[in-house]
N, C-alpha and C. Protein backbone atom coordinates (compact mmCIF):
# COMPACT_ATOMS: atom_id res chain seq x y z
N MET A 1 -41.37 44.47 -41.88
CA MET A 1 -41.16 45.53 -40.94
C MET A 1 -40.86 44.99 -39.55
N VAL A 2 -41.58 43.98 -39.19
CA VAL A 2 -41.37 43.36 -37.88
C VAL A 2 -39.98 42.71 -37.83
N ASN A 3 -39.57 42.15 -38.91
CA ASN A 3 -38.26 41.51 -38.95
C ASN A 3 -37.14 42.52 -38.75
N LYS A 4 -37.26 43.73 -39.36
CA LYS A 4 -36.23 44.73 -39.20
C LYS A 4 -36.20 45.23 -37.75
N LYS A 5 -37.34 45.40 -37.13
CA LYS A 5 -37.43 45.84 -35.75
C LYS A 5 -36.80 44.77 -34.83
N PHE A 6 -37.10 43.53 -35.08
CA PHE A 6 -36.57 42.42 -34.30
C PHE A 6 -35.05 42.35 -34.44
N ILE A 7 -34.56 42.54 -35.66
CA ILE A 7 -33.11 42.47 -35.90
C ILE A 7 -32.41 43.63 -35.20
N LYS A 8 -33.00 44.86 -35.23
CA LYS A 8 -32.39 46.00 -34.55
C LYS A 8 -32.34 45.77 -33.04
N ARG A 9 -33.40 45.23 -32.45
CA ARG A 9 -33.41 44.94 -31.01
C ARG A 9 -32.39 43.84 -30.67
N PHE A 10 -32.31 42.86 -31.51
CA PHE A 10 -31.38 41.76 -31.29
C PHE A 10 -29.94 42.27 -31.31
N ILE A 11 -29.60 43.12 -32.30
CA ILE A 11 -28.26 43.68 -32.41
C ILE A 11 -27.97 44.60 -31.22
N ALA A 12 -28.93 45.40 -30.82
CA ALA A 12 -28.75 46.30 -29.67
C ALA A 12 -28.52 45.48 -28.39
N SER A 13 -29.28 44.42 -28.21
CA SER A 13 -29.11 43.56 -27.03
C SER A 13 -27.75 42.87 -27.05
N LEU A 14 -27.34 42.45 -28.23
CA LEU A 14 -26.04 41.80 -28.38
C LEU A 14 -24.92 42.78 -28.05
N LEU A 15 -25.01 44.03 -28.49
CA LEU A 15 -24.01 45.04 -28.18
C LEU A 15 -23.95 45.34 -26.68
N VAL A 16 -25.11 45.42 -26.04
CA VAL A 16 -25.16 45.66 -24.59
C VAL A 16 -24.48 44.49 -23.86
N LEU A 17 -24.75 43.28 -24.30
CA LEU A 17 -24.14 42.09 -23.70
C LEU A 17 -22.62 42.10 -23.88
N ILE A 18 -22.14 42.46 -25.05
CA ILE A 18 -20.70 42.51 -25.31
C ILE A 18 -20.05 43.57 -24.43
N VAL A 19 -20.66 44.76 -24.33
CA VAL A 19 -20.11 45.82 -23.47
C VAL A 19 -20.07 45.35 -22.02
N PHE A 20 -21.11 44.67 -21.58
CA PHE A 20 -21.17 44.14 -20.22
C PHE A 20 -20.04 43.13 -19.97
N LEU A 21 -19.83 42.19 -20.89
CA LEU A 21 -18.79 41.18 -20.74
C LEU A 21 -17.39 41.80 -20.77
N VAL A 22 -17.17 42.80 -21.64
CA VAL A 22 -15.88 43.49 -21.68
C VAL A 22 -15.64 44.20 -20.36
N GLY A 23 -16.67 44.82 -19.80
CA GLY A 23 -16.54 45.48 -18.50
C GLY A 23 -16.16 44.50 -17.41
N ILE A 24 -16.78 43.35 -17.38
CA ILE A 24 -16.44 42.32 -16.39
C ILE A 24 -15.00 41.85 -16.60
N PHE A 25 -14.60 41.66 -17.85
CA PHE A 25 -13.24 41.23 -18.15
C PHE A 25 -12.22 42.20 -17.58
N PHE A 26 -12.41 43.52 -17.79
CA PHE A 26 -11.48 44.51 -17.27
C PHE A 26 -11.53 44.60 -15.75
N LEU A 27 -12.68 44.38 -15.16
CA LEU A 27 -12.81 44.37 -13.71
C LEU A 27 -12.02 43.22 -13.11
N VAL A 28 -12.10 42.05 -13.73
CA VAL A 28 -11.35 40.88 -13.25
C VAL A 28 -9.86 41.14 -13.39
N LEU A 29 -9.41 41.71 -14.49
CA LEU A 29 -8.00 42.00 -14.68
C LEU A 29 -7.49 43.01 -13.66
N SER A 30 -8.28 44.01 -13.34
CA SER A 30 -7.85 45.03 -12.38
C SER A 30 -7.77 44.49 -10.96
N ASN A 31 -8.48 43.40 -10.67
CA ASN A 31 -8.44 42.78 -9.34
C ASN A 31 -7.37 41.71 -9.24
N GLY A 32 -6.44 41.65 -10.16
CA GLY A 32 -5.35 40.70 -10.09
C GLY A 32 -5.73 39.32 -10.53
N GLY A 33 -6.62 39.16 -11.41
CA GLY A 33 -6.94 37.84 -11.94
C GLY A 33 -8.14 37.19 -11.32
N GLY A 34 -8.86 37.88 -10.47
CA GLY A 34 -10.08 37.28 -9.94
C GLY A 34 -9.82 36.50 -8.68
N GLY A 35 -10.47 35.33 -8.59
CA GLY A 35 -10.43 34.49 -7.39
C GLY A 35 -9.10 33.83 -7.20
N LYS A 36 -9.09 32.90 -6.25
CA LYS A 36 -7.86 32.19 -5.93
C LYS A 36 -7.51 31.22 -7.04
N SER A 37 -6.21 31.02 -7.21
CA SER A 37 -5.77 30.07 -8.21
C SER A 37 -5.94 28.66 -7.67
N ASP A 38 -5.88 27.68 -8.58
CA ASP A 38 -6.06 26.29 -8.18
C ASP A 38 -4.93 25.82 -7.28
N LYS A 39 -3.72 26.30 -7.49
CA LYS A 39 -2.58 25.87 -6.69
C LYS A 39 -2.32 26.91 -5.63
N GLN A 40 -2.64 26.59 -4.39
CA GLN A 40 -2.45 27.52 -3.30
C GLN A 40 -1.04 27.37 -2.73
N ASP A 41 -0.54 28.43 -2.10
CA ASP A 41 0.74 28.39 -1.43
C ASP A 41 0.50 27.86 -0.02
N ASN A 42 0.87 26.60 0.21
CA ASN A 42 0.63 25.95 1.48
C ASN A 42 1.45 26.54 2.62
N THR A 43 2.46 27.35 2.32
CA THR A 43 3.33 27.86 3.36
C THR A 43 2.76 29.09 4.05
N LYS A 44 1.75 29.75 3.47
CA LYS A 44 1.19 30.98 4.04
C LYS A 44 -0.18 30.69 4.66
N THR A 45 -0.18 30.01 5.79
CA THR A 45 -1.42 29.69 6.49
C THR A 45 -1.29 30.05 7.95
N GLU A 46 -2.39 29.95 8.69
CA GLU A 46 -2.39 30.28 10.12
C GLU A 46 -1.58 29.28 10.93
N THR A 47 -1.63 28.00 10.53
CA THR A 47 -0.89 26.95 11.22
C THR A 47 -0.20 26.07 10.19
N VAL A 48 0.66 25.21 10.68
CA VAL A 48 1.34 24.25 9.81
C VAL A 48 0.29 23.26 9.29
N THR A 49 0.33 22.96 8.00
CA THR A 49 -0.66 22.06 7.39
C THR A 49 0.00 20.75 6.94
N LYS A 50 -0.81 19.73 6.87
CA LYS A 50 -0.32 18.42 6.44
C LYS A 50 0.25 18.47 5.01
N PRO A 51 -0.41 19.14 4.04
CA PRO A 51 0.18 19.23 2.69
C PRO A 51 1.56 19.89 2.68
N LEU A 52 1.78 20.90 3.52
CA LEU A 52 3.08 21.56 3.61
C LEU A 52 4.14 20.56 4.10
N VAL A 53 3.79 19.79 5.13
CA VAL A 53 4.73 18.80 5.68
C VAL A 53 5.05 17.74 4.64
N ILE A 54 4.03 17.25 3.94
CA ILE A 54 4.24 16.20 2.94
C ILE A 54 5.07 16.72 1.77
N ASP A 55 4.85 17.96 1.36
CA ASP A 55 5.68 18.55 0.29
C ASP A 55 7.15 18.56 0.70
N PHE A 56 7.42 18.95 1.96
CA PHE A 56 8.79 18.93 2.44
C PHE A 56 9.36 17.51 2.44
N LEU A 57 8.59 16.55 2.96
CA LEU A 57 9.08 15.18 3.04
C LEU A 57 9.40 14.61 1.66
N LYS A 58 8.56 14.92 0.69
CA LYS A 58 8.82 14.45 -0.69
C LYS A 58 10.13 15.02 -1.22
N SER A 59 10.36 16.30 -0.99
CA SER A 59 11.60 16.90 -1.50
C SER A 59 12.82 16.45 -0.70
N TYR A 60 12.64 16.16 0.57
CA TYR A 60 13.75 15.76 1.43
C TYR A 60 14.16 14.30 1.19
N PHE A 61 13.20 13.42 0.98
CA PHE A 61 13.49 11.99 0.86
C PHE A 61 13.61 11.50 -0.58
N THR A 62 13.39 12.35 -1.56
CA THR A 62 13.54 11.94 -2.96
C THR A 62 14.83 12.57 -3.51
N LYS A 63 15.77 11.72 -3.86
CA LYS A 63 17.06 12.21 -4.36
C LYS A 63 17.77 11.10 -5.12
N LYS A 64 18.60 11.50 -6.04
CA LYS A 64 19.39 10.54 -6.82
C LYS A 64 20.47 9.92 -5.95
N LYS A 65 21.19 10.78 -5.21
CA LYS A 65 22.20 10.31 -4.27
C LYS A 65 22.24 11.30 -3.11
N PRO A 66 22.83 10.91 -1.98
CA PRO A 66 22.83 11.80 -0.81
C PRO A 66 23.41 13.18 -1.14
N GLY A 67 22.68 14.21 -0.73
CA GLY A 67 23.12 15.58 -0.94
C GLY A 67 22.67 16.21 -2.25
N SER A 68 22.11 15.42 -3.16
CA SER A 68 21.76 15.95 -4.48
C SER A 68 20.44 16.73 -4.48
N ASN A 69 19.72 16.71 -3.38
CA ASN A 69 18.40 17.36 -3.33
C ASN A 69 18.39 18.60 -2.44
N ARG A 70 19.52 19.11 -2.07
CA ARG A 70 19.57 20.22 -1.12
C ARG A 70 18.79 21.44 -1.59
N SER A 71 18.88 21.76 -2.84
CA SER A 71 18.15 22.94 -3.34
C SER A 71 16.65 22.71 -3.32
N ASP A 72 16.22 21.44 -3.35
CA ASP A 72 14.79 21.14 -3.32
C ASP A 72 14.17 21.39 -1.95
N TYR A 73 14.88 21.02 -0.88
CA TYR A 73 14.29 21.17 0.45
C TYR A 73 14.70 22.45 1.18
N LYS A 74 15.64 23.19 0.62
CA LYS A 74 16.11 24.42 1.27
C LYS A 74 14.98 25.42 1.50
N LYS A 75 14.04 25.51 0.55
CA LYS A 75 12.97 26.50 0.66
C LYS A 75 11.99 26.23 1.81
N TYR A 76 12.06 25.04 2.39
CA TYR A 76 11.18 24.68 3.50
C TYR A 76 11.82 24.91 4.86
N MET A 77 13.08 25.37 4.90
CA MET A 77 13.83 25.45 6.15
C MET A 77 14.39 26.85 6.39
N THR A 78 14.61 27.16 7.67
CA THR A 78 15.34 28.37 8.00
C THR A 78 16.80 28.16 7.60
N ASP A 79 17.55 29.24 7.51
CA ASP A 79 18.96 29.12 7.12
C ASP A 79 19.74 28.27 8.12
N SER A 80 19.46 28.47 9.41
CA SER A 80 20.21 27.71 10.42
C SER A 80 19.88 26.22 10.36
N ALA A 81 18.61 25.88 10.15
CA ALA A 81 18.23 24.47 10.04
C ALA A 81 18.83 23.84 8.78
N TYR A 82 18.82 24.57 7.70
CA TYR A 82 19.40 24.07 6.45
C TYR A 82 20.91 23.84 6.61
N ASN A 83 21.61 24.81 7.18
CA ASN A 83 23.05 24.66 7.37
C ASN A 83 23.38 23.49 8.29
N TYR A 84 22.55 23.26 9.29
CA TYR A 84 22.75 22.12 10.19
C TYR A 84 22.56 20.80 9.43
N GLN A 85 21.53 20.72 8.58
CA GLN A 85 21.32 19.50 7.79
C GLN A 85 22.48 19.23 6.85
N VAL A 86 23.00 20.27 6.21
CA VAL A 86 24.15 20.11 5.32
C VAL A 86 25.36 19.61 6.11
N MET A 87 25.56 20.17 7.30
CA MET A 87 26.66 19.73 8.14
C MET A 87 26.52 18.24 8.49
N LEU A 88 25.30 17.81 8.83
CA LEU A 88 25.07 16.40 9.14
C LEU A 88 25.35 15.51 7.93
N GLU A 89 24.91 15.95 6.75
CA GLU A 89 25.12 15.16 5.54
C GLU A 89 26.60 15.06 5.17
N GLU A 90 27.39 16.04 5.59
CA GLU A 90 28.81 16.06 5.27
C GLU A 90 29.67 15.32 6.29
N GLU A 91 29.06 14.84 7.38
CA GLU A 91 29.83 14.09 8.38
C GLU A 91 30.49 12.88 7.72
N PRO A 92 31.77 12.66 7.98
CA PRO A 92 32.48 11.56 7.33
C PRO A 92 31.85 10.18 7.54
N MET A 93 31.35 9.91 8.73
CA MET A 93 30.77 8.59 9.00
C MET A 93 29.49 8.38 8.16
N LEU A 94 28.66 9.38 8.09
CA LEU A 94 27.44 9.26 7.29
C LEU A 94 27.77 9.16 5.81
N LYS A 95 28.73 9.95 5.36
CA LYS A 95 29.13 9.88 3.95
C LYS A 95 29.67 8.49 3.60
N TYR A 96 30.41 7.90 4.53
CA TYR A 96 30.94 6.56 4.30
C TYR A 96 29.80 5.53 4.21
N ARG A 97 28.83 5.63 5.12
CA ARG A 97 27.72 4.68 5.13
C ARG A 97 26.82 4.80 3.92
N THR A 98 26.71 5.99 3.35
CA THR A 98 25.76 6.21 2.26
C THR A 98 26.43 6.38 0.89
N GLN A 99 27.72 6.19 0.79
CA GLN A 99 28.42 6.46 -0.47
C GLN A 99 27.97 5.55 -1.61
N ASN A 100 27.48 4.37 -1.33
CA ASN A 100 27.04 3.44 -2.38
C ASN A 100 25.52 3.34 -2.45
N MET A 101 24.83 4.34 -1.93
CA MET A 101 23.37 4.34 -1.96
C MET A 101 22.88 5.33 -3.01
N ARG A 102 21.84 4.95 -3.72
CA ARG A 102 21.28 5.79 -4.79
C ARG A 102 19.76 5.65 -4.84
N ASN A 103 19.14 6.51 -5.62
CA ASN A 103 17.72 6.42 -5.97
C ASN A 103 16.79 6.38 -4.76
N PHE A 104 16.91 7.37 -3.91
CA PHE A 104 16.02 7.48 -2.76
C PHE A 104 14.67 8.00 -3.27
N LYS A 105 13.58 7.37 -2.84
CA LYS A 105 12.25 7.81 -3.28
C LYS A 105 11.28 7.78 -2.11
N TYR A 106 10.61 8.91 -1.90
CA TYR A 106 9.56 9.00 -0.88
C TYR A 106 8.44 8.04 -1.25
N LYS A 107 7.95 7.29 -0.28
CA LYS A 107 6.84 6.35 -0.51
C LYS A 107 5.56 6.84 0.17
N SER A 108 5.62 7.03 1.48
CA SER A 108 4.43 7.44 2.22
C SER A 108 4.85 8.00 3.57
N SER A 109 3.91 8.58 4.26
CA SER A 109 4.21 9.10 5.60
C SER A 109 2.94 9.14 6.44
N LYS A 110 3.16 9.10 7.73
CA LYS A 110 2.10 9.31 8.71
C LYS A 110 2.49 10.57 9.46
N VAL A 111 1.57 11.52 9.49
CA VAL A 111 1.88 12.85 10.03
C VAL A 111 0.99 13.13 11.22
N TYR A 112 1.60 13.58 12.31
CA TYR A 112 0.85 14.05 13.47
C TYR A 112 1.18 15.51 13.70
N LEU A 113 0.19 16.38 13.53
CA LEU A 113 0.38 17.82 13.72
C LEU A 113 0.09 18.16 15.18
N GLY A 114 1.05 18.80 15.84
CA GLY A 114 0.83 19.24 17.22
C GLY A 114 -0.22 20.34 17.26
N GLN A 115 -0.92 20.45 18.37
CA GLN A 115 -2.03 21.40 18.49
C GLN A 115 -1.57 22.84 18.72
N ASP A 116 -0.57 23.04 19.60
CA ASP A 116 -0.25 24.40 20.02
C ASP A 116 1.14 24.89 19.65
N ASP A 117 2.11 24.02 19.62
CA ASP A 117 3.49 24.48 19.56
C ASP A 117 4.18 24.32 18.21
N ASN A 118 3.44 24.09 17.14
CA ASN A 118 3.99 23.99 15.78
C ASN A 118 5.07 22.91 15.66
N VAL A 119 4.86 21.82 16.38
CA VAL A 119 5.75 20.66 16.30
C VAL A 119 4.99 19.57 15.56
N VAL A 120 5.70 18.92 14.65
CA VAL A 120 5.10 17.86 13.84
C VAL A 120 5.95 16.61 14.00
N PHE A 121 5.29 15.49 14.25
CA PHE A 121 5.97 14.20 14.27
C PHE A 121 5.55 13.43 13.04
N VAL A 122 6.52 12.83 12.35
CA VAL A 122 6.21 12.07 11.14
C VAL A 122 6.98 10.76 11.15
N THR A 123 6.35 9.77 10.55
CA THR A 123 7.02 8.51 10.25
C THR A 123 6.98 8.38 8.74
N VAL A 124 8.16 8.27 8.13
CA VAL A 124 8.29 8.31 6.68
C VAL A 124 8.82 6.98 6.17
N LYS A 125 8.20 6.49 5.09
CA LYS A 125 8.73 5.32 4.38
C LYS A 125 9.32 5.80 3.07
N TYR A 126 10.50 5.30 2.76
CA TYR A 126 11.15 5.64 1.49
C TYR A 126 11.95 4.43 1.02
N SER A 127 12.15 4.37 -0.27
CA SER A 127 12.94 3.27 -0.83
C SER A 127 14.31 3.80 -1.25
N SER A 128 15.27 2.88 -1.33
CA SER A 128 16.60 3.24 -1.80
C SER A 128 17.28 2.00 -2.37
N ASP A 129 18.30 2.24 -3.15
CA ASP A 129 19.10 1.16 -3.73
C ASP A 129 20.50 1.24 -3.14
N ALA A 130 21.01 0.10 -2.69
CA ALA A 130 22.38 0.03 -2.18
C ALA A 130 23.18 -0.87 -3.12
N TYR A 131 24.41 -0.49 -3.35
CA TYR A 131 25.29 -1.24 -4.25
C TYR A 131 26.50 -1.74 -3.47
N GLN A 132 27.03 -2.90 -3.89
CA GLN A 132 28.20 -3.46 -3.21
C GLN A 132 29.44 -2.60 -3.46
N LYS A 133 29.53 -2.04 -4.65
CA LYS A 133 30.65 -1.17 -5.00
C LYS A 133 30.08 0.15 -5.48
N ASP A 134 30.94 1.11 -5.68
CA ASP A 134 30.51 2.43 -6.13
C ASP A 134 29.77 2.31 -7.46
N PRO A 135 28.46 2.67 -7.50
CA PRO A 135 27.68 2.52 -8.72
C PRO A 135 28.12 3.46 -9.85
N ASP A 136 28.86 4.52 -9.51
CA ASP A 136 29.34 5.44 -10.54
C ASP A 136 30.55 4.88 -11.29
N VAL A 137 31.26 3.94 -10.65
CA VAL A 137 32.49 3.41 -11.23
C VAL A 137 32.26 2.07 -11.91
N SER A 138 31.52 1.19 -11.28
CA SER A 138 31.33 -0.15 -11.84
C SER A 138 29.89 -0.61 -11.64
N SER A 139 29.50 -1.58 -12.42
CA SER A 139 28.18 -2.16 -12.20
C SER A 139 28.34 -3.26 -11.16
N SER A 140 27.51 -3.22 -10.14
CA SER A 140 27.57 -4.21 -9.09
C SER A 140 26.16 -4.59 -8.69
N ASN A 141 26.07 -5.56 -7.83
CA ASN A 141 24.75 -6.03 -7.40
C ASN A 141 24.01 -4.92 -6.67
N LYS A 142 22.76 -4.76 -7.05
CA LYS A 142 21.91 -3.74 -6.44
C LYS A 142 20.98 -4.41 -5.45
N ILE A 143 20.84 -3.82 -4.28
CA ILE A 143 19.92 -4.30 -3.27
C ILE A 143 18.94 -3.17 -3.00
N SER A 144 17.66 -3.39 -3.32
CA SER A 144 16.64 -2.38 -3.06
C SER A 144 15.98 -2.66 -1.72
N SER A 145 15.65 -1.60 -1.02
CA SER A 145 15.02 -1.76 0.29
C SER A 145 14.05 -0.61 0.55
N VAL A 146 13.13 -0.87 1.47
CA VAL A 146 12.22 0.17 1.94
C VAL A 146 12.61 0.45 3.39
N ASN A 147 12.84 1.71 3.68
CA ASN A 147 13.29 2.14 5.00
C ASN A 147 12.23 3.00 5.67
N GLU A 148 12.35 3.14 6.98
CA GLU A 148 11.40 3.95 7.72
C GLU A 148 12.16 4.79 8.74
N ASN A 149 11.87 6.09 8.76
CA ASN A 149 12.47 7.01 9.73
C ASN A 149 11.36 7.81 10.40
N SER A 150 11.61 8.21 11.63
CA SER A 150 10.70 9.10 12.34
C SER A 150 11.42 10.40 12.62
N LEU A 151 10.72 11.50 12.37
CA LEU A 151 11.30 12.83 12.54
C LEU A 151 10.41 13.69 13.42
N LYS A 152 11.05 14.61 14.12
CA LYS A 152 10.34 15.68 14.82
C LYS A 152 10.71 16.96 14.10
N LEU A 153 9.72 17.64 13.56
CA LEU A 153 9.93 18.89 12.83
C LEU A 153 9.35 20.04 13.66
N THR A 154 10.16 21.03 13.95
CA THR A 154 9.70 22.20 14.68
C THR A 154 9.65 23.36 13.69
N TYR A 155 8.47 23.95 13.56
CA TYR A 155 8.25 25.03 12.59
C TYR A 155 8.20 26.38 13.29
N ILE A 156 8.63 27.41 12.55
CA ILE A 156 8.42 28.80 12.96
C ILE A 156 7.86 29.55 11.75
N GLN A 157 7.13 30.62 12.03
CA GLN A 157 6.56 31.41 10.94
C GLN A 157 7.46 32.61 10.68
N ASP A 158 7.92 32.74 9.44
CA ASP A 158 8.77 33.85 9.04
C ASP A 158 7.97 35.15 9.18
N LYS A 159 8.52 36.10 9.90
CA LYS A 159 7.81 37.35 10.16
C LYS A 159 7.62 38.19 8.90
N ASN A 160 8.54 38.10 7.95
CA ASN A 160 8.46 38.90 6.74
C ASN A 160 7.50 38.32 5.71
N THR A 161 7.59 37.01 5.49
CA THR A 161 6.80 36.39 4.42
C THR A 161 5.54 35.69 4.91
N GLY A 162 5.50 35.35 6.20
CA GLY A 162 4.35 34.62 6.73
C GLY A 162 4.42 33.13 6.45
N LYS A 163 5.50 32.67 5.84
CA LYS A 163 5.63 31.26 5.50
C LYS A 163 6.10 30.46 6.72
N TRP A 164 5.64 29.21 6.79
CA TRP A 164 6.10 28.30 7.84
C TRP A 164 7.37 27.62 7.37
N LEU A 165 8.42 27.70 8.20
CA LEU A 165 9.71 27.12 7.87
C LEU A 165 10.15 26.19 9.00
N ILE A 166 10.85 25.13 8.63
CA ILE A 166 11.37 24.21 9.63
C ILE A 166 12.57 24.85 10.30
N ASP A 167 12.51 24.93 11.63
CA ASP A 167 13.61 25.49 12.39
C ASP A 167 14.49 24.39 12.99
N GLU A 168 13.89 23.21 13.22
CA GLU A 168 14.64 22.05 13.71
C GLU A 168 14.08 20.80 13.05
N CYS A 169 14.99 19.92 12.65
CA CYS A 169 14.63 18.63 12.05
C CYS A 169 15.44 17.56 12.78
N GLU A 170 14.77 16.80 13.63
CA GLU A 170 15.46 15.83 14.46
C GLU A 170 15.01 14.42 14.13
N LEU A 171 15.94 13.51 14.06
CA LEU A 171 15.64 12.09 13.93
C LEU A 171 15.28 11.60 15.32
N VAL A 172 14.12 10.97 15.45
CA VAL A 172 13.66 10.49 16.75
C VAL A 172 13.26 9.02 16.64
N SER A 173 13.17 8.38 17.77
CA SER A 173 12.74 6.98 17.80
C SER A 173 11.28 6.97 18.23
N LEU A 174 10.41 6.59 17.30
CA LEU A 174 8.98 6.54 17.57
C LEU A 174 8.42 5.23 17.05
N ASP A 175 7.38 4.77 17.66
CA ASP A 175 6.59 3.74 17.00
C ASP A 175 5.85 4.45 15.90
N PRO A 176 5.53 3.77 14.81
CA PRO A 176 4.81 4.46 13.73
C PRO A 176 3.56 5.17 14.25
N VAL A 177 3.39 6.40 13.81
CA VAL A 177 2.26 7.22 14.22
C VAL A 177 1.05 6.81 13.40
N GLU A 178 -0.06 6.55 14.05
CA GLU A 178 -1.28 6.16 13.34
C GLU A 178 -2.02 7.41 12.88
N ASP A 179 -2.72 7.31 11.77
CA ASP A 179 -3.51 8.45 11.24
C ASP A 179 -4.60 8.84 12.17
């Protein structure tokens, strides 16, 4: 008799627990999935963040050949800044200097975030391969090198989306910025 009473209480408790868990499950679903996801959108913050800058630098400095990564870094820039970068990349002198360069890869960067005016200074290291002749046409000697550039990035916050976008990207002469 005690066993039947115990089993009935156990089953009743189990049913209450299941109803409780199902209720929590539907509550979480109705709130859009619960808490924050593991991967946050770095572009929707109060100020420009270091991870946002580094994400841009990785997409900007990693490319198979000059101009092949435009769609990767476009999402980090305003339309005017993007169009200006494309214009710079299409300059005949730059195209001539970089026509035999391939395999650009971001290595590291030192980032200095400005306090008030959403200006960021960065020193970026990246590697690239240079060829004596056009690598698409013939096999030639490859020279690998590590290069360093310093940039001044000016950000603005998009009024519609709240995302931080680069409004100006300037090559500057800086001593490497220390962390």
